[in-house]
Amino acid sequence: MYATLMLRVLMPCVACLALAMTVDAQIRPTRQFHGPLQESWEWLPTRNLYSNNMVTPPMAIMRGNAVISGGRLVVYQPGRNYPWWHLGSLVMAGVAHGKKAVGVESDANHEDADSSVTIQFNRPVSSFGGYWATALIAGHNSITFSFYDSSGGLIGTETVTYSNFSGAPEWHGWHSTVPIKRVTYRGRFVAVDYLQAAPVGHVRRWRL
């Protein structure tokens, strides 16, 4: 009787654990790739992209195949007097491809706060990645990525840390068994370059 009762109590917990493991397994890291959709920011002028003190309005990227919004986006170019991009220290952020990359500030009243940016695709993708850097401040040197499906449901989250005092952006990318419609990334002084994405059904070319 006792064993039967315990089994009834534990079974829902086991089911929930199995479901959680399944959801987490839908997103997995992937090595560097070239996707049909790319964004290196070279076509944008080096300047602030936000039109007010709070956020950047939605802007088409990846040749019109995605929209980026949120945060206070700044196109920077290393070696220029302004705008350059620092990582919360004397270290300046670099680029991964070409001459330019994008950094995201927090809002005007909380310069040292984390901020979020959203990338939404016109059609779902199966793989997403880019070259990332963030604050070199203890306890704040991480970026959290959240992946959502076409119905707005959360597929999974991934957190990466950054500790490269050269300022060079580092590759982080993922493949999902559930099509990704939207990605949100959150962190402090986040910089990103050379975004890559592969729509569902398209082949990725691995970067050697």
C-alpha atoms as a PDB file:
ATOM      1  CA  MET A   1       0.000   0.000   0.000  1.00  0.00           C
ATOM      2  CA  TYR A   2       2.800   2.405   0.986  1.00  0.00           C
ATOM      3  CA  ALA A   3       4.782   1.561  -2.154  1.00  0.00           C
ATOM      4  CA  THR A   4       1.717   2.188  -4.342  1.00  0.00           C
ATOM      5  CA  LEU A   5       1.107   5.542  -2.661  1.00  0.00           C
ATOM      6  CA  MET A   6       4.739   6.634  -3.128  1.00  0.00           C
ATOM      7  CA  LEU A   7       4.602   5.621  -6.780  1.00  0.00           C
ATOM      8  CA  ARG A   8       1.527   7.800  -7.314  1.00  0.00           C
ATOM      9  CA  VAL A   9       3.311  10.750  -5.680  1.00  0.00           C
ATOM     10  CA  LEU A  10       6.569  10.334  -7.574  1.00  0.00           C
ATOM     11  CA  MET A  11       5.238   9.639 -11.049  1.00  0.00           C
ATOM     12  CA  PRO A  12       4.182  13.263 -11.767  1.00  0.00           C
ATOM     13  CA  CYS A  13       7.613  14.446 -10.609  1.00  0.00           C
ATOM     14  CA  VAL A  14       9.366  11.970 -12.886  1.00  0.00           C
ATOM     15  CA  ALA A  15       7.165  13.047 -15.786  1.00  0.00           C
ATOM     16  CA  CYS A  16       7.969  16.715 -15.159  1.00  0.00           C
ATOM     17  CA  LEU A  17      11.682  15.948 -14.984  1.00  0.00           C
ATOM     18  CA  ALA A  18      11.532  14.017 -18.239  1.00  0.00           C
ATOM     19  CA  LEU A  19       9.674  16.895 -19.893  1.00  0.00           C
ATOM     20  CA  ALA A  20      12.247  19.399 -18.650  1.00  0.00           C
ATOM     21  CA  MET A  21      15.076  17.249 -19.999  1.00  0.00           C
ATOM     22  CA  THR A  22      13.315  17.012 -23.357  1.00  0.00           C
ATOM     23  CA  VAL A  23      12.824  20.791 -23.598  1.00  0.00           C
ATOM     24  CA  ASP A  24      16.459  21.480 -22.717  1.00  0.00           C
ATOM     25  CA  ALA A  25      17.618  18.939 -25.294  1.00  0.00           C
ATOM     26  CA  GLN A  26      15.817  20.859 -28.076  1.00  0.00           C
ATOM     27  CA  ILE A  27      18.591  23.482 -28.082  1.00  0.00           C
ATOM     28  CA  ARG A  28      22.191  22.390 -28.450  1.00  0.00           C
ATOM     29  CA  PRO A  29      25.439  24.291 -29.187  1.00  0.00           C
ATOM     30  CA  THR A  30      26.799  24.092 -32.708  1.00  0.00           C
ATOM     31  CA  ARG A  31      30.187  24.922 -34.151  1.00  0.00           C
ATOM     32  CA  GLN A  32      30.884  27.871 -36.438  1.00  0.00           C
ATOM     33  CA  PHE A  33      28.851  27.879 -39.621  1.00  0.00           C
ATOM     34  CA  HIS A  34      27.930  30.103 -42.557  1.00  0.00           C
ATOM     35  CA  GLY A  35      24.159  30.399 -42.884  1.00  0.00           C
ATOM     36  CA  PRO A  36      22.016  31.629 -45.781  1.00  0.00           C
ATOM     37  CA  LEU A  37      21.113  34.582 -43.512  1.00  0.00           C
ATOM     38  CA  GLN A  38      23.977  36.786 -42.314  1.00  0.00           C
ATOM     39  CA  GLU A  39      24.504  40.221 -40.784  1.00  0.00           C
ATOM     40  CA  SER A  40      27.886  41.936 -40.437  1.00  0.00           C
ATOM     41  CA  TRP A  41      26.630  45.553 -40.022  1.00  0.00           C
ATOM     42  CA  GLU A  42      28.986  46.902 -42.699  1.00  0.00           C
ATOM     43  CA  TRP A  43      26.181  48.734 -44.523  1.00  0.00           C
ATOM     44  CA  LEU A  44      25.320  50.855 -41.480  1.00  0.00           C
ATOM     45  CA  PRO A  45      27.052  54.132 -40.547  1.00  0.00           C
ATOM     46  CA  THR A  46      29.048  54.197 -37.311  1.00  0.00           C
ATOM     47  CA  ARG A  47      26.563  55.902 -35.006  1.00  0.00           C
ATOM     48  CA  ASN A  48      23.783  55.402 -32.479  1.00  0.00           C
ATOM     49  CA  LEU A  49      20.822  53.588 -34.027  1.00  0.00           C
ATOM     50  CA  TYR A  50      18.258  54.510 -31.383  1.00  0.00           C
ATOM     51  CA  SER A  51      15.972  57.446 -32.073  1.00  0.00           C
ATOM     52  CA  ASN A  52      15.315  58.326 -28.428  1.00  0.00           C
ATOM     53  CA  ASN A  53      16.899  57.709 -25.046  1.00  0.00           C
ATOM     54  CA  MET A  54      15.289  54.341 -24.469  1.00  0.00           C
ATOM     55  CA  VAL A  55      15.302  51.822 -27.331  1.00  0.00           C
ATOM     56  CA  THR A  56      16.175  51.190 -30.929  1.00  0.00           C
ATOM     57  CA  PRO A  57      13.051  51.001 -33.110  1.00  0.00           C
ATOM     58  CA  PRO A  58      12.545  47.802 -35.117  1.00  0.00           C
ATOM     59  CA  MET A  59      15.061  47.646 -37.979  1.00  0.00           C
ATOM     60  CA  ALA A  60      15.350  45.135 -40.808  1.00  0.00           C
ATOM     61  CA  ILE A  61      18.589  43.124 -40.889  1.00  0.00           C
ATOM     62  CA  MET A  62      19.880  40.049 -42.736  1.00  0.00           C
ATOM     63  CA  ARG A  63      18.755  41.531 -46.076  1.00  0.00           C
ATOM     64  CA  GLY A  64      15.211  41.970 -44.812  1.00  0.00           C
ATOM     65  CA  ASN A  65      14.839  38.437 -43.467  1.00  0.00           C
ATOM     66  CA  ALA A  66      14.787  39.479 -39.795  1.00  0.00           C
ATOM     67  CA  VAL A  67      14.055  42.462 -37.567  1.00  0.00           C
ATOM     68  CA  ILE A  68      16.110  43.634 -34.584  1.00  0.00           C
ATOM     69  CA  SER A  69      14.697  45.837 -31.812  1.00  0.00           C
ATOM     70  CA  GLY A  70      15.191  46.908 -28.223  1.00  0.00           C
ATOM     71  CA  GLY A  71      18.148  48.190 -26.267  1.00  0.00           C
ATOM     72  CA  ARG A  72      20.168  51.201 -27.423  1.00  0.00           C
ATOM     73  CA  LEU A  73      22.155  49.887 -30.362  1.00  0.00           C
ATOM     74  CA  VAL A  74      25.411  51.513 -31.431  1.00  0.00           C
ATOM     75  CA  VAL A  75      27.381  50.637 -34.564  1.00  0.00           C
ATOM     76  CA  TYR A  76      31.070  50.887 -33.629  1.00  0.00           C
ATOM     77  CA  GLN A  77      34.335  50.606 -35.511  1.00  0.00           C
ATOM     78  CA  PRO A  78      37.606  49.845 -33.680  1.00  0.00           C
ATOM     79  CA  GLY A  79      40.265  52.427 -34.340  1.00  0.00           C
ATOM     80  CA  ARG A  80      37.795  55.272 -34.754  1.00  0.00           C
ATOM     81  CA  ASN A  81      37.597  58.056 -32.185  1.00  0.00           C
ATOM     82  CA  TYR A  82      33.838  57.551 -31.823  1.00  0.00           C
ATOM     83  CA  PRO A  83      31.882  55.473 -31.441  1.00  0.00           C
ATOM     84  CA  TRP A  84      34.089  52.801 -29.985  1.00  0.00           C
ATOM     85  CA  TRP A  85      32.840  50.098 -27.651  1.00  0.00           C
ATOM     86  CA  HIS A  86      34.225  49.295 -24.224  1.00  0.00           C
ATOM     87  CA  LEU A  87      33.448  46.228 -22.150  1.00  0.00           C
ATOM     88  CA  GLY A  88      33.056  47.927 -18.795  1.00  0.00           C
ATOM     89  CA  SER A  89      36.824  48.288 -18.429  1.00  0.00           C
ATOM     90  CA  LEU A  90      39.775  49.621 -20.393  1.00  0.00           C
ATOM     91  CA  VAL A  91      39.321  46.772 -22.881  1.00  0.00           C
ATOM     92  CA  MET A  92      37.830  47.793 -26.210  1.00  0.00           C
ATOM     93  CA  ALA A  93      35.601  45.356 -28.100  1.00  0.00           C
ATOM     94  CA  GLY A  94      36.810  44.123 -31.457  1.00  0.00           C
ATOM     95  CA  VAL A  95      35.047  42.752 -34.532  1.00  0.00           C
ATOM     96  CA  ALA A  96      34.824  39.284 -36.057  1.00  0.00           C
ATOM     97  CA  HIS A  97      34.264  40.208 -39.706  1.00  0.00           C
ATOM     98  CA  GLY A  98      34.831  43.406 -41.668  1.00  0.00           C
ATOM     99  CA  LYS A  99      35.309  46.680 -39.812  1.00  0.00           C
ATOM    100  CA  LYS A 100      32.127  47.159 -37.780  1.00  0.00           C
ATOM    101  CA  ALA A 101      30.065  45.522 -35.062  1.00  0.00           C
ATOM    102  CA  VAL A 102      27.131  46.475 -32.822  1.00  0.00           C
ATOM    103  CA  GLY A 103      27.014  47.114 -29.086  1.00  0.00           C
ATOM    104  CA  VAL A 104      23.955  47.542 -26.879  1.00  0.00           C
ATOM    105  CA  GLU A 105      23.727  50.069 -24.071  1.00  0.00           C
ATOM    106  CA  SER A 106      21.267  50.046 -21.207  1.00  0.00           C
ATOM    107  CA  ASP A 107      18.676  52.786 -20.979  1.00  0.00           C
ATOM    108  CA  ALA A 108      19.683  56.375 -20.310  1.00  0.00           C
ATOM    109  CA  ASN A 109      18.922  56.245 -16.582  1.00  0.00           C
ATOM    110  CA  HIS A 110      20.640  52.933 -15.839  1.00  0.00           C
ATOM    111  CA  GLU A 111      23.922  52.900 -17.735  1.00  0.00           C
ATOM    112  CA  ASP A 112      25.227  49.987 -15.674  1.00  0.00           C
ATOM    113  CA  ALA A 113      22.125  47.814 -16.030  1.00  0.00           C
ATOM    114  CA  ASP A 114      21.594  44.800 -18.257  1.00  0.00           C
ATOM    115  CA  SER A 115      19.543  45.338 -21.390  1.00  0.00           C
ATOM    116  CA  SER A 116      17.715  43.096 -23.855  1.00  0.00           C
ATOM    117  CA  VAL A 117      17.600  42.893 -27.639  1.00  0.00           C
ATOM    118  CA  THR A 118      15.178  40.844 -29.738  1.00  0.00           C
ATOM    119  CA  ILE A 119      15.761  39.362 -33.188  1.00  0.00           C
ATOM    120  CA  GLN A 120      12.657  38.093 -34.963  1.00  0.00           C
ATOM    121  CA  PHE A 121      12.857  36.123 -38.198  1.00  0.00           C
ATOM    122  CA  ASN A 122      10.410  36.397 -41.074  1.00  0.00           C
ATOM    123  CA  ARG A 123      10.350  32.619 -41.257  1.00  0.00           C
ATOM    124  CA  PRO A 124      11.595  30.162 -38.633  1.00  0.00           C
ATOM    125  CA  VAL A 125      15.234  29.107 -38.498  1.00  0.00           C
ATOM    126  CA  SER A 126      16.798  25.921 -37.193  1.00  0.00           C
ATOM    127  CA  SER A 127      20.249  27.355 -36.394  1.00  0.00           C
ATOM    128  CA  PHE A 128      21.393  30.693 -35.017  1.00  0.00           C
ATOM    129  CA  GLY A 129      24.739  32.074 -33.911  1.00  0.00           C
ATOM    130  CA  GLY A 130      27.203  34.926 -33.929  1.00  0.00           C
ATOM    131  CA  TYR A 131      30.328  36.352 -32.368  1.00  0.00           C
ATOM    132  CA  TRP A 132      29.742  37.809 -28.924  1.00  0.00           C
ATOM    133  CA  ALA A 133      31.467  39.817 -26.207  1.00  0.00           C
ATOM    134  CA  THR A 134      30.148  41.359 -23.020  1.00  0.00           C
ATOM    135  CA  ALA A 135      31.169  43.150 -19.828  1.00  0.00           C
ATOM    136  CA  LEU A 136      34.465  42.141 -18.253  1.00  0.00           C
ATOM    137  CA  ILE A 137      33.000  42.789 -14.817  1.00  0.00           C
ATOM    138  CA  ALA A 138      32.856  40.036 -12.217  1.00  0.00           C
ATOM    139  CA  GLY A 139      29.303  38.758 -11.910  1.00  0.00           C
ATOM    140  CA  HIS A 140      28.171  40.539 -15.075  1.00  0.00           C
ATOM    141  CA  ASN A 141      30.222  38.821 -17.784  1.00  0.00           C
ATOM    142  CA  SER A 142      27.447  36.629 -19.150  1.00  0.00           C
ATOM    143  CA  ILE A 143      24.834  36.760 -21.898  1.00  0.00           C
ATOM    144  CA  THR A 144      21.524  34.913 -21.635  1.00  0.00           C
ATOM    145  CA  PHE A 145      19.783  33.801 -24.827  1.00  0.00           C
ATOM    146  CA  SER A 146      16.097  32.846 -24.945  1.00  0.00           C
ATOM    147  CA  PHE A 147      14.649  31.011 -27.963  1.00  0.00           C
ATOM    148  CA  TYR A 148      10.948  31.121 -28.891  1.00  0.00           C
ATOM    149  CA  ASP A 149       8.820  29.226 -31.399  1.00  0.00           C
ATOM    150  CA  SER A 150       6.224  30.623 -33.831  1.00  0.00           C
ATOM    151  CA  SER A 151       3.479  30.585 -31.197  1.00  0.00           C
ATOM    152  CA  GLY A 152       5.618  32.522 -28.708  1.00  0.00           C
ATOM    153  CA  GLY A 153       6.404  29.490 -26.581  1.00  0.00           C
ATOM    154  CA  LEU A 154       9.817  29.286 -24.941  1.00  0.00           C
ATOM    155  CA  ILE A 155      11.965  26.579 -26.520  1.00  0.00           C
ATOM    156  CA  GLY A 156      14.887  26.988 -24.134  1.00  0.00           C
ATOM    157  CA  THR A 157      17.510  29.312 -22.678  1.00  0.00           C
ATOM    158  CA  GLU A 158      21.290  29.297 -22.848  1.00  0.00           C
ATOM    159  CA  THR A 159      23.799  31.381 -20.872  1.00  0.00           C
ATOM    160  CA  VAL A 160      27.399  31.971 -21.964  1.00  0.00           C
ATOM    161  CA  THR A 161      30.239  33.714 -20.152  1.00  0.00           C
ATOM    162  CA  TYR A 162      32.940  35.945 -21.588  1.00  0.00           C
ATOM    163  CA  SER A 163      36.425  36.506 -20.141  1.00  0.00           C
ATOM    164  CA  ASN A 164      38.593  37.407 -23.143  1.00  0.00           C
ATOM    165  CA  PHE A 165      40.646  40.450 -22.172  1.00  0.00           C
ATOM    166  CA  SER A 166      41.700  40.977 -25.785  1.00  0.00           C
ATOM    167  CA  GLY A 167      38.138  42.142 -26.485  1.00  0.00           C
ATOM    168  CA  ALA A 168      37.727  39.765 -29.432  1.00  0.00           C
ATOM    169  CA  PRO A 169      34.151  38.503 -29.942  1.00  0.00           C
ATOM    170  CA  GLU A 170      33.769  34.731 -29.494  1.00  0.00           C
ATOM    171  CA  TRP A 171      31.544  32.342 -31.399  1.00  0.00           C
ATOM    172  CA  HIS A 172      28.402  30.962 -29.796  1.00  0.00           C
ATOM    173  CA  GLY A 173      25.732  29.260 -31.870  1.00  0.00           C
ATOM    174  CA  TRP A 174      22.901  26.766 -31.452  1.00  0.00           C
ATOM    175  CA  HIS A 175      20.782  24.304 -33.392  1.00  0.00           C
ATOM    176  CA  SER A 176      17.182  23.620 -32.396  1.00  0.00           C
ATOM    177  CA  THR A 177      14.949  20.677 -33.154  1.00  0.00           C
ATOM    178  CA  VAL A 178      12.022  23.108 -32.772  1.00  0.00           C
ATOM    179  CA  PRO A 179      11.950  25.947 -35.360  1.00  0.00           C
ATOM    180  CA  ILE A 180      13.082  29.269 -33.879  1.00  0.00           C
ATOM    181  CA  LYS A 181      11.012  32.346 -34.684  1.00  0.00           C
ATOM    182  CA  ARG A 182      12.492  34.767 -32.167  1.00  0.00           C
ATOM    183  CA  VAL A 183      15.696  35.127 -30.128  1.00  0.00           C
ATOM    184  CA  THR A 184      16.231  37.481 -27.200  1.00  0.00           C
ATOM    185  CA  TYR A 185      19.657  38.128 -25.735  1.00  0.00           C
ATOM    186  CA  ARG A 186      20.317  39.947 -22.473  1.00  0.00           C
ATOM    187  CA  GLY A 187      23.515  41.183 -20.848  1.00  0.00           C
ATOM    188  CA  ARG A 188      25.651  44.186 -20.014  1.00  0.00           C
ATOM    189  CA  PHE A 189      27.585  46.069 -22.720  1.00  0.00           C
ATOM    190  CA  VAL A 190      26.938  43.180 -25.129  1.00  0.00           C
ATOM    191  CA  ALA A 191      28.696  43.388 -28.501  1.00  0.00           C
ATOM    192  CA  VAL A 192      27.809  41.190 -31.469  1.00  0.00           C
ATOM    193  CA  ASP A 193      29.150  40.690 -34.967  1.00  0.00           C
ATOM    194  CA  TYR A 194      28.641  38.467 -38.000  1.00  0.00           C
ATOM    195  CA  LEU A 195      25.276  36.952 -37.085  1.00  0.00           C
ATOM    196  CA  GLN A 196      24.399  33.674 -38.837  1.00  0.00           C
ATOM    197  CA  ALA A 197      21.092  31.851 -39.243  1.00  0.00           C
ATOM    198  CA  ALA A 198      19.819  28.939 -41.303  1.00  0.00           C
ATOM    199  CA  PRO A 199      16.097  28.719 -42.137  1.00  0.00           C
ATOM    200  CA  VAL A 200      14.436  25.374 -41.547  1.00  0.00           C
ATOM    201  CA  GLY A 201      15.367  23.000 -44.354  1.00  0.00           C
ATOM    202  CA  HIS A 202      18.473  24.927 -45.448  1.00  0.00           C
ATOM    203  CA  VAL A 203      21.960  23.482 -45.247  1.00  0.00           C
ATOM    204  CA  ARG A 204      24.649  25.095 -43.114  1.00  0.00           C
ATOM    205  CA  ARG A 205      28.194  25.436 -44.441  1.00  0.00           C
ATOM    206  CA  TRP A 206      30.698  24.721 -41.712  1.00  0.00           C
ATOM    207  CA  ARG A 207      33.403  27.324 -41.189  1.00  0.00           C
ATOM    208  CA  LEU A 208      36.891  25.819 -41.247  1.00  0.00           C
END
